[in-house]
Protein backbone atom coordinates (compact mmCIF):
# COMPACT_ATOMS: atom_id res chain seq x y z
CA MET A 1 -17.95 6.21 -1.43
CA LYS A 2 -15.68 3.18 -1.17
CA LEU A 3 -13.69 1.42 -3.87
CA TRP A 4 -12.80 -2.23 -3.26
CA GLY A 5 -10.05 -3.55 -5.51
CA ILE A 6 -9.59 -7.30 -5.89
CA ILE A 7 -6.89 -9.16 -7.77
CA ARG A 8 -7.94 -12.69 -8.70
CA LYS A 9 -5.95 -15.59 -10.06
CA ASN A 10 -7.61 -18.96 -10.72
CA ASP A 11 -10.82 -17.57 -9.14
CA LYS A 12 -9.07 -16.95 -5.81
CA ILE A 13 -8.43 -13.57 -4.26
CA GLN A 14 -4.68 -12.91 -4.30
CA ARG A 15 -4.73 -9.32 -2.98
CA GLN A 16 -7.35 -6.77 -2.06
CA HIS A 17 -7.56 -3.22 -0.79
CA THR A 18 -10.30 -0.72 0.01
CA ILE A 19 -10.11 3.06 -0.33
CA GLU A 20 -12.74 5.41 1.04
CA TYR A 21 -13.48 8.81 -0.47
CA GLU A 22 -15.40 11.04 1.91
CA GLY A 23 -18.08 13.23 0.40
CA LEU A 24 -18.16 11.65 -3.05
CA THR A 25 -21.42 10.28 -4.38
CA ARG A 26 -22.61 8.80 -7.67
CA ASP A 27 -23.63 12.29 -8.85
CA THR A 28 -20.37 14.07 -7.93
CA THR A 29 -17.90 11.56 -9.36
CA SER A 30 -16.48 12.43 -12.76
CA ASP A 31 -12.84 11.31 -13.17
CA TRP A 32 -12.59 7.56 -12.58
CA ASP A 33 -8.95 7.39 -13.72
CA GLU A 34 -7.98 9.72 -10.89
CA LEU A 35 -9.99 7.75 -8.31
CA ILE A 36 -8.63 4.36 -9.38
CA SER A 37 -4.96 5.44 -9.34
CA PRO A 38 -4.46 5.27 -5.53
CA LEU A 39 -6.08 1.83 -5.47
CA CYS A 40 -3.67 0.61 -8.15
CA GLN A 41 -0.72 2.06 -6.24
CA GLU A 42 -1.75 0.23 -3.06
CA LEU A 43 -2.02 -3.03 -4.98
CA ASP A 44 1.28 -2.37 -6.81
CA LEU A 45 -0.34 -2.31 -10.26
CA SER A 46 0.05 -0.15 -13.28
CA ARG A 47 -3.18 1.65 -14.07
CA PRO A 48 -5.35 -0.25 -16.58
CA LEU A 49 -6.65 1.36 -19.73
CA MET A 50 -10.06 2.89 -19.06
CA LEU A 51 -12.25 2.18 -22.08
CA LYS A 52 -15.83 3.24 -22.74
CA LYS A 53 -17.03 -0.26 -21.85
CA HIS A 54 -15.38 0.05 -18.42
CA LEU A 55 -17.05 3.39 -17.75
CA LYS A 56 -20.39 1.93 -18.81
CA GLU A 57 -19.92 -1.01 -16.42
CA ILE A 58 -19.14 1.37 -13.57
CA GLU A 59 -22.19 3.51 -14.27
CA GLU A 60 -24.61 0.62 -14.75
CA PHE A 61 -23.36 -1.98 -12.26
CA SER A 62 -21.04 -0.12 -9.82
CA ARG A 63 -18.50 -2.79 -10.74
CA VAL A 64 -15.82 -3.19 -13.37
CA VAL A 65 -13.50 -6.04 -14.39
CA PHE A 66 -10.13 -5.48 -16.04
CA LEU A 67 -8.42 -8.36 -17.84
CA PRO A 68 -4.67 -8.69 -18.50
CA SER A 69 -5.25 -7.30 -22.00
CA ASP A 70 -6.39 -4.01 -20.40
CA PHE A 71 -2.89 -3.39 -19.03
CA ILE A 72 0.09 -2.15 -21.00
CA GLU A 73 2.57 -4.04 -18.81
CA PRO A 74 2.37 -7.82 -18.34
CA VAL A 75 0.48 -8.92 -15.21
CA ASP A 76 0.45 -12.20 -13.28
CA PHE A 77 -3.27 -12.47 -12.54
CA ASP A 78 -6.53 -13.28 -14.34
CA ARG A 79 -8.72 -10.32 -13.32
CA PHE A 80 -8.61 -7.01 -11.50
CA GLU A 81 -12.05 -6.16 -10.19
CA ILE A 82 -13.28 -2.94 -8.66
CA GLU A 83 -16.55 -2.67 -6.80
CA ILE A 84 -17.98 0.71 -5.86
CA PHE A 85 -20.06 1.20 -2.73
CA TYR A 86 -21.97 4.46 -2.58
CA PRO A 87 -23.23 5.94 0.69
CA LYS A 88 -26.82 5.13 1.48
CA LYS A 89 -29.27 7.97 1.14
CA LYS A 90 -30.79 9.12 4.41
């Protein structure tokens, strides 16, 4: 499974980073906070608040968008997006 983190400001990508987790699949993933933390560290972000709506977006769309209001500390961007790419079944 891969997580692609994108920081956007004025609809332009400011920073991005991808992290790959070997052996994880949609069925074996349970703690999204723990999986998102390394991505936030690489992008020099505090971890956003993970609300029920964010978990629902991840489960339904394999994508989640965090707004500045989802962070405790002030941020200088419009959106932090995470897209999840699961391994293809063989």
